């Protein structure tokens, strides 16, 4: 996967991704991070890329020319149909399904806004998808782009140690992940469930699935609407919450 990030703050992205699993994926050349500094295409000696908004209002707006020219600088390096993702609170809310779909791409271009946003005309010209990471405002799209890259990259083969590392995670099957435990066996008078030490893999998997169902029902019941729950699982939940 090749990521091309159009940004005013490339060092923020390089530094933010230079850790842990993503750092190893970069070192192993499984993913490539290429930041294009929009300021390099400002065409003025002060590297100014913003200006006052037509019609008035607080804040500054990023001009269309430097954004468009930064895009043109990489346009010929990627296939014609490469997605251009604009990080904006007005976009479609990012989720695990979107991460899975985007992880199948070979190249992605990510546009990071700043200030009061970007001139609408260049958005209309180059952007294919507008993506939000939630209903809140950030000072810029850099943090959002790093979240996007992290979420997508961990689904790319060989980034994580084993495929099972993400197959059982929250949202993968519209359910939250089951509880996890490690040593010591007893911590502050709380002990690991005995079933996890039983060695009975079938029973352990059954326990994990049921715990996922319970946790999803308690914390995110809305997710169960997307999950194809069986009659047996429904009976289990009814019985569990009747007795607890």
C-alpha atoms as a PDB file:
ATOM      1  CA  UNK A   1       0.000   0.000   0.000  1.00  0.00           C
ATOM      2  CA  UNK A   2       1.248   3.435  -0.965  1.00  0.00           C
ATOM      3  CA  UNK A   3      -0.162   6.384   0.940  1.00  0.00           C
ATOM      4  CA  UNK A   4       0.179   9.908  -0.446  1.00  0.00           C
ATOM      5  CA  UNK A   5      -0.810  12.539   2.108  1.00  0.00           C
ATOM      6  CA  UNK A   6      -1.358  16.130   1.008  1.00  0.00           C
ATOM      7  CA  UNK A   7      -0.700  18.151   4.146  1.00  0.00           C
ATOM      8  CA  UNK A   8       0.642  21.377   5.641  1.00  0.00           C
ATOM      9  CA  UNK A   9       2.417  19.424   8.379  1.00  0.00           C
ATOM     10  CA  UNK A  10       4.272  16.394   6.953  1.00  0.00           C
ATOM     11  CA  UNK A  11       6.534  16.014  10.002  1.00  0.00           C
ATOM     12  CA  UNK A  12       3.477  15.600  12.213  1.00  0.00           C
ATOM     13  CA  UNK A  13       2.427  12.577  10.175  1.00  0.00           C
ATOM     14  CA  UNK A  14       5.907  11.074   9.831  1.00  0.00           C
ATOM     15  CA  UNK A  15       6.513  11.391  13.574  1.00  0.00           C
ATOM     16  CA  UNK A  16       3.072  10.104  14.498  1.00  0.00           C
ATOM     17  CA  UNK A  17       3.392   6.947  12.414  1.00  0.00           C
ATOM     18  CA  UNK A  18       6.993   6.205  13.334  1.00  0.00           C
ATOM     19  CA  UNK A  19       6.080   3.834  16.172  1.00  0.00           C
ATOM     20  CA  UNK A  20       5.048   0.272  16.939  1.00  0.00           C
ATOM     21  CA  UNK A  21       3.395  -1.926  14.287  1.00  0.00           C
ATOM     22  CA  UNK A  22       3.062   0.779  11.643  1.00  0.00           C
ATOM     23  CA  UNK A  23       6.766   1.648  11.969  1.00  0.00           C
ATOM     24  CA  UNK A  24       7.656  -2.015  11.380  1.00  0.00           C
ATOM     25  CA  UNK A  25       5.356  -2.161   8.361  1.00  0.00           C
ATOM     26  CA  UNK A  26       7.133   0.870   6.911  1.00  0.00           C
ATOM     27  CA  UNK A  27      10.574  -0.605   7.633  1.00  0.00           C
ATOM     28  CA  UNK A  28       9.524  -3.891   6.008  1.00  0.00           C
ATOM     29  CA  UNK A  29       8.264  -1.958   2.983  1.00  0.00           C
ATOM     30  CA  UNK A  30       4.750  -3.349   3.331  1.00  0.00           C
ATOM     31  CA  UNK A  31       3.391   0.190   3.356  1.00  0.00           C
ATOM     32  CA  UNK A  32       4.903   3.454   2.125  1.00  0.00           C
ATOM     33  CA  UNK A  33       4.140   6.870   3.599  1.00  0.00           C
ATOM     34  CA  UNK A  34       4.669   9.791   1.224  1.00  0.00           C
ATOM     35  CA  UNK A  35       3.819  13.256   2.533  1.00  0.00           C
ATOM     36  CA  UNK A  36       3.480  16.097   0.037  1.00  0.00           C
ATOM     37  CA  UNK A  37       3.802  19.522   1.618  1.00  0.00           C
ATOM     38  CA  UNK A  38       1.105  21.775   0.195  1.00  0.00           C
ATOM     39  CA  UNK A  39       3.217  24.819   1.102  1.00  0.00           C
ATOM     40  CA  UNK A  40       5.808  23.769  -1.487  1.00  0.00           C
ATOM     41  CA  UNK A  41       3.235  24.681  -4.147  1.00  0.00           C
ATOM     42  CA  UNK A  42       2.229  28.083  -2.789  1.00  0.00           C
ATOM     43  CA  UNK A  43       3.895  30.076  -5.604  1.00  0.00           C
ATOM     44  CA  UNK A  44       4.795  32.972  -3.290  1.00  0.00           C
ATOM     45  CA  UNK A  45       7.930  33.783  -1.312  1.00  0.00           C
ATOM     46  CA  UNK A  46       6.148  33.557   2.042  1.00  0.00           C
ATOM     47  CA  UNK A  47       4.747  30.065   1.330  1.00  0.00           C
ATOM     48  CA  UNK A  48       1.296  31.385   2.137  1.00  0.00           C
ATOM     49  CA  UNK A  49      -1.470  28.933   1.238  1.00  0.00           C
ATOM     50  CA  UNK A  50      -4.533  30.545   2.862  1.00  0.00           C
ATOM     51  CA  UNK A  51      -6.617  33.663   2.342  1.00  0.00           C
ATOM     52  CA  UNK A  52      -9.730  35.392   3.648  1.00  0.00           C
ATOM     53  CA  UNK A  53     -13.076  33.809   2.786  1.00  0.00           C
ATOM     54  CA  UNK A  54     -15.352  35.393   0.234  1.00  0.00           C
ATOM     55  CA  UNK A  55     -18.512  36.525   1.965  1.00  0.00           C
ATOM     56  CA  UNK A  56     -16.711  37.108   5.254  1.00  0.00           C
ATOM     57  CA  UNK A  57     -16.554  34.971   8.356  1.00  0.00           C
ATOM     58  CA  UNK A  58     -13.947  34.018  10.914  1.00  0.00           C
ATOM     59  CA  UNK A  59     -10.812  32.144   9.970  1.00  0.00           C
ATOM     60  CA  UNK A  60      -8.864  31.556   6.793  1.00  0.00           C
ATOM     61  CA  UNK A  61      -9.464  29.203   3.871  1.00  0.00           C
ATOM     62  CA  UNK A  62      -6.805  27.156   2.055  1.00  0.00           C
ATOM     63  CA  UNK A  63      -6.477  28.353  -1.528  1.00  0.00           C
ATOM     64  CA  UNK A  64      -7.264  25.925  -4.386  1.00  0.00           C
ATOM     65  CA  UNK A  65      -4.060  26.331  -6.440  1.00  0.00           C
ATOM     66  CA  UNK A  66      -1.484  24.895  -3.990  1.00  0.00           C
ATOM     67  CA  UNK A  67      -3.754  21.958  -3.177  1.00  0.00           C
ATOM     68  CA  UNK A  68      -4.378  21.217  -6.838  1.00  0.00           C
ATOM     69  CA  UNK A  69      -0.716  21.555  -7.779  1.00  0.00           C
ATOM     70  CA  UNK A  70       0.367  19.275  -4.930  1.00  0.00           C
ATOM     71  CA  UNK A  71      -2.112  16.728  -6.265  1.00  0.00           C
ATOM     72  CA  UNK A  72      -0.771  17.110  -9.817  1.00  0.00           C
ATOM     73  CA  UNK A  73       2.748  16.392  -8.535  1.00  0.00           C
ATOM     74  CA  UNK A  74       1.742  12.809  -7.723  1.00  0.00           C
ATOM     75  CA  UNK A  75      -1.109  12.241 -10.166  1.00  0.00           C
ATOM     76  CA  UNK A  76       1.109  10.421 -12.683  1.00  0.00           C
ATOM     77  CA  UNK A  77       2.594   8.177  -9.970  1.00  0.00           C
ATOM     78  CA  UNK A  78      -0.706   6.443  -9.243  1.00  0.00           C
ATOM     79  CA  UNK A  79      -3.376   4.684 -11.323  1.00  0.00           C
ATOM     80  CA  UNK A  80      -6.042   6.880 -12.876  1.00  0.00           C
ATOM     81  CA  UNK A  81      -8.817   5.587 -10.602  1.00  0.00           C
ATOM     82  CA  UNK A  82      -6.912   6.100  -7.312  1.00  0.00           C
ATOM     83  CA  UNK A  83      -9.189   7.311  -4.532  1.00  0.00           C
ATOM     84  CA  UNK A  84      -8.622  10.777  -3.072  1.00  0.00           C
ATOM     85  CA  UNK A  85      -9.889  10.852   0.504  1.00  0.00           C
ATOM     86  CA  UNK A  86     -10.642  14.213   2.099  1.00  0.00           C
ATOM     87  CA  UNK A  87     -10.668  14.195   5.895  1.00  0.00           C
ATOM     88  CA  UNK A  88     -13.615  16.365   6.946  1.00  0.00           C
ATOM     89  CA  UNK A  89     -16.362  16.279   9.617  1.00  0.00           C
ATOM     90  CA  UNK A  90     -18.822  16.586   6.727  1.00  0.00           C
ATOM     91  CA  UNK A  91     -17.780  13.193   5.359  1.00  0.00           C
ATOM     92  CA  UNK A  92     -19.156   9.706   5.786  1.00  0.00           C
ATOM     93  CA  UNK A  93     -18.314   8.340   9.230  1.00  0.00           C
ATOM     94  CA  UNK A  94     -15.381   5.945   9.047  1.00  0.00           C
ATOM     95  CA  UNK A  95     -15.951   2.371  10.253  1.00  0.00           C
ATOM     96  CA  UNK A  96     -14.404  -1.079  10.112  1.00  0.00           C
ATOM     97  CA  UNK A  97     -16.174  -2.029   6.886  1.00  0.00           C
ATOM     98  CA  UNK A  98     -14.705   1.015   5.155  1.00  0.00           C
ATOM     99  CA  UNK A  99     -11.262   0.118   6.519  1.00  0.00           C
ATOM    100  CA  UNK A 100     -11.580  -3.378   5.053  1.00  0.00           C
ATOM    101  CA  UNK A 101     -12.616  -2.021   1.655  1.00  0.00           C
ATOM    102  CA  UNK A 102      -9.819   0.546   1.545  1.00  0.00           C
ATOM    103  CA  UNK A 103      -7.217  -2.020   2.621  1.00  0.00           C
ATOM    104  CA  UNK A 104      -7.698  -3.715  -0.759  1.00  0.00           C
ATOM    105  CA  UNK A 105      -6.442  -0.623  -2.615  1.00  0.00           C
ATOM    106  CA  UNK A 106      -2.842  -0.396  -3.803  1.00  0.00           C
ATOM    107  CA  UNK A 107      -2.634   3.397  -3.570  1.00  0.00           C
ATOM    108  CA  UNK A 108      -4.536   6.018  -1.593  1.00  0.00           C
ATOM    109  CA  UNK A 109      -4.306   9.806  -1.640  1.00  0.00           C
ATOM    110  CA  UNK A 110      -5.378  11.562   1.559  1.00  0.00           C
ATOM    111  CA  UNK A 111      -6.072  15.290   1.680  1.00  0.00           C
ATOM    112  CA  UNK A 112      -5.758  17.034   5.060  1.00  0.00           C
ATOM    113  CA  UNK A 113      -7.601  20.286   5.568  1.00  0.00           C
ATOM    114  CA  UNK A 114      -6.746  23.020   8.052  1.00  0.00           C
ATOM    115  CA  UNK A 115      -7.972  26.428   9.234  1.00  0.00           C
ATOM    116  CA  UNK A 116     -11.605  26.895   8.152  1.00  0.00           C
ATOM    117  CA  UNK A 117     -11.259  24.340   5.369  1.00  0.00           C
ATOM    118  CA  UNK A 118     -10.300  24.197   1.708  1.00  0.00           C
ATOM    119  CA  UNK A 119     -11.702  26.114  -1.254  1.00  0.00           C
ATOM    120  CA  UNK A 120     -14.692  24.065  -2.416  1.00  0.00           C
ATOM    121  CA  UNK A 121     -13.681  24.151  -6.069  1.00  0.00           C
ATOM    122  CA  UNK A 122     -10.570  22.029  -5.638  1.00  0.00           C
ATOM    123  CA  UNK A 123     -12.510  19.566  -3.486  1.00  0.00           C
ATOM    124  CA  UNK A 124     -14.988  19.184  -6.341  1.00  0.00           C
ATOM    125  CA  UNK A 125     -12.086  18.814  -8.771  1.00  0.00           C
ATOM    126  CA  UNK A 126     -10.037  16.046  -7.140  1.00  0.00           C
ATOM    127  CA  UNK A 127     -11.793  14.429  -4.154  1.00  0.00           C
ATOM    128  CA  UNK A 128     -13.537  11.069  -4.634  1.00  0.00           C
ATOM    129  CA  UNK A 129     -14.550  10.377  -1.014  1.00  0.00           C
ATOM    130  CA  UNK A 130     -15.113  12.583   2.031  1.00  0.00           C
ATOM    131  CA  UNK A 131     -14.436  10.799   5.328  1.00  0.00           C
ATOM    132  CA  UNK A 132     -15.066  11.771   8.947  1.00  0.00           C
ATOM    133  CA  UNK A 133     -13.727  10.023  12.052  1.00  0.00           C
ATOM    134  CA  UNK A 134     -16.593  11.329  14.195  1.00  0.00           C
ATOM    135  CA  UNK A 135     -18.898  14.207  15.011  1.00  0.00           C
ATOM    136  CA  UNK A 136     -16.309  16.571  16.447  1.00  0.00           C
ATOM    137  CA  UNK A 137     -13.865  19.176  15.164  1.00  0.00           C
ATOM    138  CA  UNK A 138     -10.064  18.920  14.995  1.00  0.00           C
ATOM    139  CA  UNK A 139      -7.605  21.683  14.149  1.00  0.00           C
ATOM    140  CA  UNK A 140      -6.630  19.811  10.996  1.00  0.00           C
ATOM    141  CA  UNK A 141      -6.918  16.566   9.093  1.00  0.00           C
ATOM    142  CA  UNK A 142      -3.510  15.190  10.061  1.00  0.00           C
ATOM    143  CA  UNK A 143      -4.616  13.317  13.187  1.00  0.00           C
ATOM    144  CA  UNK A 144      -7.632  11.959  11.333  1.00  0.00           C
ATOM    145  CA  UNK A 145      -5.433  10.776   8.451  1.00  0.00           C
ATOM    146  CA  UNK A 146      -3.144   8.923  10.868  1.00  0.00           C
ATOM    147  CA  UNK A 147      -6.135   7.138  12.398  1.00  0.00           C
ATOM    148  CA  UNK A 148      -7.256   6.180   8.897  1.00  0.00           C
ATOM    149  CA  UNK A 149      -3.792   4.886   7.938  1.00  0.00           C
ATOM    150  CA  UNK A 150      -3.422   2.886  11.164  1.00  0.00           C
ATOM    151  CA  UNK A 151      -6.845   1.271  10.833  1.00  0.00           C
ATOM    152  CA  UNK A 152      -6.374   0.367   7.164  1.00  0.00           C
ATOM    153  CA  UNK A 153      -2.756  -0.771   7.389  1.00  0.00           C
ATOM    154  CA  UNK A 154      -3.292  -3.344  10.131  1.00  0.00           C
ATOM    155  CA  UNK A 155      -5.645  -5.193   7.743  1.00  0.00           C
ATOM    156  CA  UNK A 156      -2.982  -5.500   5.043  1.00  0.00           C
ATOM    157  CA  UNK A 157      -1.380  -8.975   4.912  1.00  0.00           C
ATOM    158  CA  UNK A 158       1.820  -9.357   6.977  1.00  0.00           C
ATOM    159  CA  UNK A 159       1.385  -6.095   8.900  1.00  0.00           C
ATOM    160  CA  UNK A 160       0.111  -7.989  11.932  1.00  0.00           C
ATOM    161  CA  UNK A 161       1.734 -11.231  13.006  1.00  0.00           C
ATOM    162  CA  UNK A 162      -1.282 -13.450  12.379  1.00  0.00           C
ATOM    163  CA  UNK A 163      -4.561 -13.011  10.553  1.00  0.00           C
ATOM    164  CA  UNK A 164      -6.305 -14.116  13.753  1.00  0.00           C
ATOM    165  CA  UNK A 165      -5.005 -10.925  15.380  1.00  0.00           C
ATOM    166  CA  UNK A 166      -7.770  -8.932  13.747  1.00  0.00           C
ATOM    167  CA  UNK A 167     -10.365 -11.605  12.918  1.00  0.00           C
ATOM    168  CA  UNK A 168     -11.564 -11.694  16.538  1.00  0.00           C
ATOM    169  CA  UNK A 169     -11.399  -7.956  17.178  1.00  0.00           C
ATOM    170  CA  UNK A 170     -14.279  -5.613  17.869  1.00  0.00           C
ATOM    171  CA  UNK A 171     -16.489  -4.755  14.873  1.00  0.00           C
ATOM    172  CA  UNK A 172     -15.016  -7.490  12.660  1.00  0.00           C
ATOM    173  CA  UNK A 173     -18.283  -9.470  12.855  1.00  0.00           C
ATOM    174  CA  UNK A 174     -20.481  -6.594  14.068  1.00  0.00           C
ATOM    175  CA  UNK A 175     -19.748  -7.667  17.648  1.00  0.00           C
ATOM    176  CA  UNK A 176     -17.458  -6.214  20.296  1.00  0.00           C
ATOM    177  CA  UNK A 177     -14.443  -8.274  21.261  1.00  0.00           C
ATOM    178  CA  UNK A 178     -14.594 -10.648  24.220  1.00  0.00           C
ATOM    179  CA  UNK A 179     -12.618  -9.856  27.434  1.00  0.00           C
ATOM    180  CA  UNK A 180      -8.910 -10.684  27.382  1.00  0.00           C
ATOM    181  CA  UNK A 181      -6.686 -11.863  30.249  1.00  0.00           C
ATOM    182  CA  UNK A 182      -3.014 -12.587  30.930  1.00  0.00           C
ATOM    183  CA  UNK A 183      -0.791 -13.295  33.956  1.00  0.00           C
ATOM    184  CA  UNK A 184      -1.061 -13.127  36.915  1.00  0.00           C
ATOM    185  CA  UNK A 185      -3.930 -15.561  37.409  1.00  0.00           C
ATOM    186  CA  UNK A 186      -5.229 -13.476  40.332  1.00  0.00           C
ATOM    187  CA  UNK A 187      -5.085  -9.662  40.348  1.00  0.00           C
ATOM    188  CA  UNK A 188      -6.621  -7.656  43.211  1.00  0.00           C
ATOM    189  CA  UNK A 189      -8.701 -10.712  44.158  1.00  0.00           C
ATOM    190  CA  UNK A 190     -10.004 -11.016  40.591  1.00  0.00           C
ATOM    191  CA  UNK A 191      -9.070 -14.241  38.833  1.00  0.00           C
ATOM    192  CA  UNK A 192      -9.007 -15.348  35.232  1.00  0.00           C
ATOM    193  CA  UNK A 193     -12.133 -17.350  34.225  1.00  0.00           C
ATOM    194  CA  UNK A 194     -11.430 -21.064  34.715  1.00  0.00           C
ATOM    195  CA  UNK A 195     -12.673 -21.949  31.234  1.00  0.00           C
ATOM    196  CA  UNK A 196      -9.643 -20.187  29.698  1.00  0.00           C
ATOM    197  CA  UNK A 197      -7.303 -22.601  31.482  1.00  0.00           C
ATOM    198  CA  UNK A 198      -9.327 -25.700  30.651  1.00  0.00           C
ATOM    199  CA  UNK A 199      -7.544 -26.556  27.404  1.00  0.00           C
ATOM    200  CA  UNK A 200     -10.934 -27.297  25.813  1.00  0.00           C
ATOM    201  CA  UNK A 201     -10.661 -25.155  22.697  1.00  0.00           C
ATOM    202  CA  UNK A 202     -14.241 -25.728  21.604  1.00  0.00           C
ATOM    203  CA  UNK A 203     -15.579 -24.601  24.974  1.00  0.00           C
ATOM    204  CA  UNK A 204     -13.198 -21.637  25.017  1.00  0.00           C
ATOM    205  CA  UNK A 205     -14.394 -20.455  21.592  1.00  0.00           C
ATOM    206  CA  UNK A 206     -17.987 -20.853  22.729  1.00  0.00           C
ATOM    207  CA  UNK A 207     -17.235 -18.776  25.840  1.00  0.00           C
ATOM    208  CA  UNK A 208     -15.553 -16.051  23.776  1.00  0.00           C
ATOM    209  CA  UNK A 209     -18.508 -15.844  21.387  1.00  0.00           C
ATOM    210  CA  UNK A 210     -20.998 -15.611  24.226  1.00  0.00           C
ATOM    211  CA  UNK A 211     -18.940 -12.950  25.985  1.00  0.00           C
ATOM    212  CA  UNK A 212     -18.883 -10.954  22.742  1.00  0.00           C
ATOM    213  CA  UNK A 213     -22.659 -11.186  22.556  1.00  0.00           C
ATOM    214  CA  UNK A 214     -23.069 -10.091  26.180  1.00  0.00           C
ATOM    215  CA  UNK A 215     -20.617  -7.211  25.853  1.00  0.00           C
ATOM    216  CA  UNK A 216     -22.217  -5.980  22.619  1.00  0.00           C
ATOM    217  CA  UNK A 217     -25.709  -6.136  24.137  1.00  0.00           C
ATOM    218  CA  UNK A 218     -24.562  -4.192  27.216  1.00  0.00           C
ATOM    219  CA  UNK A 219     -22.356  -1.575  25.550  1.00  0.00           C
ATOM    220  CA  UNK A 220     -23.410  -1.248  21.908  1.00  0.00           C
ATOM    221  CA  UNK A 221     -26.847  -2.838  21.380  1.00  0.00           C
ATOM    222  CA  UNK A 222     -27.122  -0.912  18.103  1.00  0.00           C
ATOM    223  CA  UNK A 223     -24.480  -3.219  16.607  1.00  0.00           C
ATOM    224  CA  UNK A 224     -26.715  -6.256  17.084  1.00  0.00           C
ATOM    225  CA  UNK A 225     -29.033  -4.815  14.433  1.00  0.00           C
ATOM    226  CA  UNK A 226     -26.264  -5.440  11.886  1.00  0.00           C
ATOM    227  CA  UNK A 227     -25.456  -8.886  13.259  1.00  0.00           C
ATOM    228  CA  UNK A 228     -27.265 -11.975  11.964  1.00  0.00           C
ATOM    229  CA  UNK A 229     -28.092 -13.377  15.394  1.00  0.00           C
ATOM    230  CA  UNK A 230     -29.239 -17.000  15.582  1.00  0.00           C
ATOM    231  CA  UNK A 231     -32.187 -18.261  17.603  1.00  0.00           C
ATOM    232  CA  UNK A 232     -29.781 -20.121  19.890  1.00  0.00           C
ATOM    233  CA  UNK A 233     -27.790 -16.934  20.554  1.00  0.00           C
ATOM    234  CA  UNK A 234     -30.975 -14.984  21.186  1.00  0.00           C
ATOM    235  CA  UNK A 235     -32.144 -17.589  23.696  1.00  0.00           C
ATOM    236  CA  UNK A 236     -28.770 -17.431  25.413  1.00  0.00           C
ATOM    237  CA  UNK A 237     -28.952 -13.634  25.783  1.00  0.00           C
ATOM    238  CA  UNK A 238     -32.537 -13.763  27.058  1.00  0.00           C
ATOM    239  CA  UNK A 239     -31.612 -16.387  29.628  1.00  0.00           C
ATOM    240  CA  UNK A 240     -28.418 -14.613  30.662  1.00  0.00           C
ATOM    241  CA  UNK A 241     -30.011 -11.241  31.335  1.00  0.00           C
ATOM    242  CA  UNK A 242     -32.989 -12.866  32.992  1.00  0.00           C
ATOM    243  CA  UNK A 243     -30.660 -14.392  35.578  1.00  0.00           C
ATOM    244  CA  UNK A 244     -28.161 -11.520  35.927  1.00  0.00           C
END
